[in-house]
Amino acid sequence: MEEPDRALVLDVPHDSRYADSAAAEIRVAVADDSRVAGRLCMWARRLVGEALSQANRFRRPSGSHSPR
């Protein structure tokens, strides 16, 4: 990834001021269109599901695979 995008991606998790800005933008978007809230909810569920899936993948000892 090229600069300045790379710097922003690396900086965001360590700087809470982005959270306030994002929350403000989300509030405005939801106020303008209530469908945005539903879409964000579905995206958040997918994101959390993926995080849990990855956590389980790394939690299992190597060589132990559960059947799908």
PDB file of N, CA and C in Angstrom:
ATOM      1  N   MET A   1       0.854  -1.172   0.000  1.00  0.00           N
ATOM      2  CA  MET A   1       0.000   0.000   0.000  1.00  0.00           C
ATOM      3  C   MET A   1       0.901   1.236   0.000  1.00  0.00           C
ATOM      4  N   GLU A   2       0.522   2.195  -0.782  1.00  0.00           N
ATOM      5  CA  GLU A   2       1.360   3.396  -0.913  1.00  0.00           C
ATOM      6  C   GLU A   2       0.970   4.460   0.112  1.00  0.00           C
ATOM      7  N   GLU A   3       1.914   5.340   0.395  1.00  0.00           N
ATOM      8  CA  GLU A   3       1.677   6.473   1.286  1.00  0.00           C
ATOM      9  C   GLU A   3       0.739   7.449   0.588  1.00  0.00           C
ATOM     10  N   PRO A   4      -0.087   8.208   1.249  1.00  0.00           N
ATOM     11  CA  PRO A   4      -0.301   8.316   2.691  1.00  0.00           C
ATOM     12  C   PRO A   4      -1.301   7.291   3.225  1.00  0.00           C
ATOM     13  N   ASP A   5      -1.881   6.474   2.327  1.00  0.00           N
ATOM     14  CA  ASP A   5      -2.865   5.488   2.783  1.00  0.00           C
ATOM     15  C   ASP A   5      -2.270   4.519   3.798  1.00  0.00           C
ATOM     16  N   ARG A   6      -1.044   4.078   3.553  1.00  0.00           N
ATOM     17  CA  ARG A   6      -0.389   3.131   4.447  1.00  0.00           C
ATOM     18  C   ARG A   6      -0.255   3.720   5.857  1.00  0.00           C
ATOM     19  N   ALA A   7       0.178   4.965   5.941  1.00  0.00           N
ATOM     20  CA  ALA A   7       0.345   5.620   7.239  1.00  0.00           C
ATOM     21  C   ALA A   7      -0.998   5.722   7.972  1.00  0.00           C
ATOM     22  N   LEU A   8      -2.048   6.046   7.239  1.00  0.00           N
ATOM     23  CA  LEU A   8      -3.376   6.166   7.848  1.00  0.00           C
ATOM     24  C   LEU A   8      -3.845   4.814   8.382  1.00  0.00           C
ATOM     25  N   VAL A   9      -3.688   3.762   7.596  1.00  0.00           N
ATOM     26  CA  VAL A   9      -4.113   2.428   8.026  1.00  0.00           C
ATOM     27  C   VAL A   9      -3.350   1.989   9.270  1.00  0.00           C
ATOM     28  N   LEU A  10      -2.080   2.292   9.339  1.00  0.00           N
ATOM     29  CA  LEU A  10      -1.285   1.910  10.499  1.00  0.00           C
ATOM     30  C   LEU A  10      -1.575   2.776  11.718  1.00  0.00           C
ATOM     31  N   ASP A  11      -1.992   4.012  11.499  1.00  0.00           N
ATOM     32  CA  ASP A  11      -2.231   4.952  12.592  1.00  0.00           C
ATOM     33  C   ASP A  11      -3.613   4.804  13.223  1.00  0.00           C
ATOM     34  N   VAL A  12      -4.618   4.471  12.454  1.00  0.00           N
ATOM     35  CA  VAL A  12      -6.001   4.459  12.929  1.00  0.00           C
ATOM     36  C   VAL A  12      -6.212   3.612  14.181  1.00  0.00           C
ATOM     37  N   PRO A  13      -5.707   2.371  14.270  1.00  0.00           N
ATOM     38  CA  PRO A  13      -5.972   1.589  15.479  1.00  0.00           C
ATOM     39  C   PRO A  13      -5.381   2.191  16.762  1.00  0.00           C
ATOM     40  N   HIS A  14      -4.451   3.108  16.625  1.00  0.00           N
ATOM     41  CA  HIS A  14      -3.771   3.669  17.793  1.00  0.00           C
ATOM     42  C   HIS A  14      -4.222   5.085  18.145  1.00  0.00           C
ATOM     43  N   ASP A  15      -5.199   5.598  17.429  1.00  0.00           N
ATOM     44  CA  ASP A  15      -5.600   6.987  17.632  1.00  0.00           C
ATOM     45  C   ASP A  15      -7.115   7.074  17.763  1.00  0.00           C
ATOM     46  N   SER A  16      -7.613   7.382  18.954  1.00  0.00           N
ATOM     47  CA  SER A  16      -9.053   7.378  19.200  1.00  0.00           C
ATOM     48  C   SER A  16      -9.793   8.531  18.527  1.00  0.00           C
ATOM     49  N   ARG A  17      -9.088   9.540  18.050  1.00  0.00           N
ATOM     50  CA  ARG A  17      -9.812  10.657  17.423  1.00  0.00           C
ATOM     51  C   ARG A  17     -10.538  10.203  16.165  1.00  0.00           C
ATOM     52  N   TYR A  18     -10.073   9.143  15.525  1.00  0.00           N
ATOM     53  CA  TYR A  18     -10.756   8.625  14.342  1.00  0.00           C
ATOM     54  C   TYR A  18     -12.093   8.006  14.718  1.00  0.00           C
ATOM     55  N   ALA A  19     -12.184   7.418  15.893  1.00  0.00           N
ATOM     56  CA  ALA A  19     -13.432   6.800  16.348  1.00  0.00           C
ATOM     57  C   ALA A  19     -14.526   7.863  16.483  1.00  0.00           C
ATOM     58  N   ASP A  20     -14.190   8.997  17.047  1.00  0.00           N
ATOM     59  CA  ASP A  20     -15.172  10.072  17.199  1.00  0.00           C
ATOM     60  C   ASP A  20     -15.643  10.578  15.845  1.00  0.00           C
ATOM     61  N   SER A  21     -14.717  10.734  14.936  1.00  0.00           N
ATOM     62  CA  SER A  21     -15.052  11.202  13.595  1.00  0.00           C
ATOM     63  C   SER A  21     -15.932  10.187  12.867  1.00  0.00           C
ATOM     64  N   ALA A  22     -15.580   8.919  12.969  1.00  0.00           N
ATOM     65  CA  ALA A  22     -16.367   7.869  12.319  1.00  0.00           C
ATOM     66  C   ALA A  22     -17.772   7.805  12.917  1.00  0.00           C
ATOM     67  N   ALA A  23     -17.871   7.881  14.239  1.00  0.00           N
ATOM     68  CA  ALA A  23     -19.175   7.834  14.897  1.00  0.00           C
ATOM     69  C   ALA A  23     -20.058   8.992  14.442  1.00  0.00           C
ATOM     70  N   ALA A  24     -19.485  10.156  14.310  1.00  0.00           N
ATOM     71  CA  ALA A  24     -20.254  11.324  13.848  1.00  0.00           C
ATOM     72  C   ALA A  24     -20.762  11.113  12.421  1.00  0.00           C
ATOM     73  N   GLU A  25     -19.905  10.590  11.555  1.00  0.00           N
ATOM     74  CA  GLU A  25     -20.302  10.333  10.164  1.00  0.00           C
ATOM     75  C   GLU A  25     -21.406   9.280  10.099  1.00  0.00           C
ATOM     76  N   ILE A  26     -21.289   8.250  10.928  1.00  0.00           N
ATOM     77  CA  ILE A  26     -22.299   7.187  10.943  1.00  0.00           C
ATOM     78  C   ILE A  26     -23.637   7.725  11.435  1.00  0.00           C
ATOM     79  N   ARG A  27     -23.617   8.545  12.478  1.00  0.00           N
ATOM     80  CA  ARG A  27     -24.869   9.138  12.983  1.00  0.00           C
ATOM     81  C   ARG A  27     -25.575   9.954  11.901  1.00  0.00           C
ATOM     82  N   VAL A  28     -24.808  10.735  11.170  1.00  0.00           N
ATOM     83  CA  VAL A  28     -25.389  11.551  10.097  1.00  0.00           C
ATOM     84  C   VAL A  28     -25.973  10.651   9.006  1.00  0.00           C
ATOM     85  N   ALA A  29     -25.233   9.624   8.620  1.00  0.00           N
ATOM     86  CA  ALA A  29     -25.700   8.721   7.566  1.00  0.00           C
ATOM     87  C   ALA A  29     -26.983   8.002   7.979  1.00  0.00           C
ATOM     88  N   VAL A  30     -27.056   7.547   9.228  1.00  0.00           N
ATOM     89  CA  VAL A  30     -28.245   6.846   9.718  1.00  0.00           C
ATOM     90  C   VAL A  30     -29.427   7.809   9.801  1.00  0.00           C
ATOM     91  N   ALA A  31     -29.177   9.036  10.214  1.00  0.00           N
ATOM     92  CA  ALA A  31     -30.254  10.030  10.290  1.00  0.00           C
ATOM     93  C   ALA A  31     -30.808  10.350   8.907  1.00  0.00           C
ATOM     94  N   ASP A  32     -29.936  10.359   7.905  1.00  0.00           N
ATOM     95  CA  ASP A  32     -30.366  10.653   6.536  1.00  0.00           C
ATOM     96  C   ASP A  32     -31.114   9.494   5.886  1.00  0.00           C
ATOM     97  N   ASP A  33     -30.748   8.260   6.235  1.00  0.00           N
ATOM     98  CA  ASP A  33     -31.349   7.083   5.598  1.00  0.00           C
ATOM     99  C   ASP A  33     -31.335   5.920   6.587  1.00  0.00           C
ATOM    100  N   SER A  34     -32.504   5.543   7.086  1.00  0.00           N
ATOM    101  CA  SER A  34     -32.581   4.499   8.110  1.00  0.00           C
ATOM    102  C   SER A  34     -32.096   3.141   7.610  1.00  0.00           C
ATOM    103  N   ARG A  35     -32.067   2.925   6.305  1.00  0.00           N
ATOM    104  CA  ARG A  35     -31.566   1.642   5.780  1.00  0.00           C
ATOM    105  C   ARG A  35     -30.079   1.458   6.066  1.00  0.00           C
ATOM    106  N   VAL A  36     -29.381   2.569   6.242  1.00  0.00           N
ATOM    107  CA  VAL A  36     -27.945   2.509   6.541  1.00  0.00           C
ATOM    108  C   VAL A  36     -27.709   1.754   7.848  1.00  0.00           C
ATOM    109  N   ALA A  37     -28.566   1.961   8.840  1.00  0.00           N
ATOM    110  CA  ALA A  37     -28.407   1.278  10.130  1.00  0.00           C
ATOM    111  C   ALA A  37     -28.489  -0.239   9.945  1.00  0.00           C
ATOM    112  N   GLY A  38     -29.437  -0.707   9.159  1.00  0.00           N
ATOM    113  CA  GLY A  38     -29.572  -2.136   8.896  1.00  0.00           C
ATOM    114  C   GLY A  38     -28.358  -2.701   8.182  1.00  0.00           C
ATOM    115  N   ARG A  39     -27.866  -1.958   7.206  1.00  0.00           N
ATOM    116  CA  ARG A  39     -26.690  -2.414   6.467  1.00  0.00           C
ATOM    117  C   ARG A  39     -25.461  -2.465   7.368  1.00  0.00           C
ATOM    118  N   LEU A  40     -25.317  -1.461   8.224  1.00  0.00           N
ATOM    119  CA  LEU A  40     -24.186  -1.455   9.153  1.00  0.00           C
ATOM    120  C   LEU A  40     -24.278  -2.623  10.139  1.00  0.00           C
ATOM    121  N   CYS A  41     -25.504  -2.923  10.568  1.00  0.00           N
ATOM    122  CA  CYS A  41     -25.709  -4.046  11.479  1.00  0.00           C
ATOM    123  C   CYS A  41     -25.280  -5.354  10.822  1.00  0.00           C
ATOM    124  N   MET A  42     -25.682  -5.558   9.599  1.00  0.00           N
ATOM    125  CA  MET A  42     -25.318  -6.786   8.888  1.00  0.00           C
ATOM    126  C   MET A  42     -23.809  -6.851   8.667  1.00  0.00           C
ATOM    127  N   TRP A  43     -23.209  -5.737   8.322  1.00  0.00           N
ATOM    128  CA  TRP A  43     -21.755  -5.699   8.118  1.00  0.00           C
ATOM    129  C   TRP A  43     -21.028  -6.011   9.427  1.00  0.00           C
ATOM    130  N   ALA A  44     -21.515  -5.453  10.538  1.00  0.00           N
ATOM    131  CA  ALA A  44     -20.882  -5.697  11.839  1.00  0.00           C
ATOM    132  C   ALA A  44     -20.983  -7.165  12.230  1.00  0.00           C
ATOM    133  N   ARG A  45     -22.138  -7.782  11.981  1.00  0.00           N
ATOM    134  CA  ARG A  45     -22.281  -9.212  12.279  1.00  0.00           C
ATOM    135  C   ARG A  45     -21.297 -10.037  11.464  1.00  0.00           C
ATOM    136  N   ARG A  46     -21.167  -9.687  10.213  1.00  0.00           N
ATOM    137  CA  ARG A  46     -20.231 -10.418   9.348  1.00  0.00           C
ATOM    138  C   ARG A  46     -18.796 -10.229   9.830  1.00  0.00           C
ATOM    139  N   LEU A  47     -18.458  -9.018  10.213  1.00  0.00           N
ATOM    140  CA  LEU A  47     -17.116  -8.711  10.698  1.00  0.00           C
ATOM    141  C   LEU A  47     -16.804  -9.478  11.982  1.00  0.00           C
ATOM    142  N   VAL A  48     -17.738  -9.486  12.918  1.00  0.00           N
ATOM    143  CA  VAL A  48     -17.536 -10.212  14.172  1.00  0.00           C
ATOM    144  C   VAL A  48     -17.452 -11.716  13.901  1.00  0.00           C
ATOM    145  N   GLY A  49     -18.298 -12.217  13.025  1.00  0.00           N
ATOM    146  CA  GLY A  49     -18.250 -13.634  12.671  1.00  0.00           C
ATOM    147  C   GLY A  49     -16.911 -14.027  12.084  1.00  0.00           C
ATOM    148  N   GLU A  50     -16.383 -13.190  11.216  1.00  0.00           N
ATOM    149  CA  GLU A  50     -15.070 -13.458  10.613  1.00  0.00           C
ATOM    150  C   GLU A  50     -13.976 -13.418  11.669  1.00  0.00           C
ATOM    151  N   ALA A  51     -14.054 -12.468  12.581  1.00  0.00           N
ATOM    152  CA  ALA A  51     -13.048 -12.378  13.648  1.00  0.00           C
ATOM    153  C   ALA A  51     -13.086 -13.623  14.532  1.00  0.00           C
ATOM    154  N   LEU A  52     -14.289 -14.086  14.870  1.00  0.00           N
ATOM    155  CA  LEU A  52     -14.408 -15.299  15.680  1.00  0.00           C
ATOM    156  C   LEU A  52     -13.878 -16.517  14.938  1.00  0.00           C
ATOM    157  N   SER A  53     -14.165 -16.587  13.661  1.00  0.00           N
ATOM    158  CA  SER A  53     -13.676 -17.696  12.845  1.00  0.00           C
ATOM    159  C   SER A  53     -12.150 -17.717  12.817  1.00  0.00           C
ATOM    160  N   GLN A  54     -11.552 -16.550  12.637  1.00  0.00           N
ATOM    161  CA  GLN A  54     -10.085 -16.468  12.618  1.00  0.00           C
ATOM    162  C   GLN A  54      -9.501 -16.794  13.985  1.00  0.00           C
ATOM    163  N   ALA A  55     -10.146 -16.342  15.037  1.00  0.00           N
ATOM    164  CA  ALA A  55      -9.659 -16.630  16.386  1.00  0.00           C
ATOM    165  C   ALA A  55      -9.692 -18.130  16.648  1.00  0.00           C
ATOM    166  N   ASN A  56     -10.759 -18.797  16.235  1.00  0.00           N
ATOM    167  CA  ASN A  56     -10.854 -20.243  16.407  1.00  0.00           C
ATOM    168  C   ASN A  56      -9.784 -20.967  15.601  1.00  0.00           C
ATOM    169  N   ARG A  57      -9.501 -20.470  14.443  1.00  0.00           N
ATOM    170  CA  ARG A  57      -8.474 -21.070  13.596  1.00  0.00           C
ATOM    171  C   ARG A  57      -7.115 -21.051  14.275  1.00  0.00           C
ATOM    172  N   PHE A  58      -6.801 -19.965  14.923  1.00  0.00           N
ATOM    173  CA  PHE A  58      -5.501 -19.838  15.570  1.00  0.00           C
ATOM    174  C   PHE A  58      -5.479 -20.478  16.952  1.00  0.00           C
ATOM    175  N   ARG A  59      -6.631 -20.693  17.530  1.00  0.00           N
ATOM    176  CA  ARG A  59      -6.714 -21.286  18.854  1.00  0.00           C
ATOM    177  C   ARG A  59      -6.463 -22.789  18.817  1.00  0.00           C
ATOM    178  N   ARG A  60      -6.901 -23.444  17.747  1.00  0.00           N
ATOM    179  CA  ARG A  60      -6.741 -24.892  17.627  1.00  0.00           C
ATOM    180  C   ARG A  60      -5.289 -25.271  17.444  1.00  0.00           C
ATOM    181  N   PRO A  61      -4.861 -26.336  18.099  1.00  0.00           N
ATOM    182  CA  PRO A  61      -3.496 -26.819  17.852  1.00  0.00           C
ATOM    183  C   PRO A  61      -3.352 -27.264  16.403  1.00  0.00           C
ATOM    184  N   SER A  62      -2.173 -27.137  15.867  1.00  0.00           N
ATOM    185  CA  SER A  62      -1.970 -27.509  14.475  1.00  0.00           C
ATOM    186  C   SER A  62      -2.214 -29.008  14.298  1.00  0.00           C
ATOM    187  N   GLY A  63      -2.853 -29.349  13.201  1.00  0.00           N
ATOM    188  CA  GLY A  63      -3.150 -30.742  12.926  1.00  0.00           C
ATOM    189  C   GLY A  63      -4.509 -31.190  13.429  1.00  0.00           C
ATOM    190  N   SER A  64      -5.155 -30.408  14.271  1.00  0.00           N
ATOM    191  CA  SER A  64      -6.496 -30.803  14.742  1.00  0.00           C
ATOM    192  C   SER A  64      -7.533 -29.982  13.976  1.00  0.00           C
ATOM    193  N   HIS A  65      -8.194 -30.638  13.086  1.00  0.00           N
ATOM    194  CA  HIS A  65      -9.201 -29.982  12.262  1.00  0.00           C
ATOM    195  C   HIS A  65     -10.557 -30.554  12.604  1.00  0.00           C
ATOM    196  N   SER A  66     -11.516 -29.689  12.800  1.00  0.00           N
ATOM    197  CA  SER A  66     -12.865 -30.190  13.067  1.00  0.00           C
ATOM    198  C   SER A  66     -13.574 -30.411  11.741  1.00  0.00           C
ATOM    199  N   PRO A  67     -14.449 -31.400  11.673  1.00  0.00           N
ATOM    200  CA  PRO A  67     -15.197 -31.637  10.430  1.00  0.00           C
ATOM    201  C   PRO A  67     -16.132 -30.487  10.154  1.00  0.00           C
ATOM    202  N   ARG A  68     -16.339 -30.207   8.930  1.00  0.00           N
ATOM    203  CA  ARG A  68     -17.251 -29.124   8.537  1.00  0.00           C
ATOM    204  C   ARG A  68     -18.604 -29.645   8.245  1.00  0.00           C
TER     205      ARG A  68
END
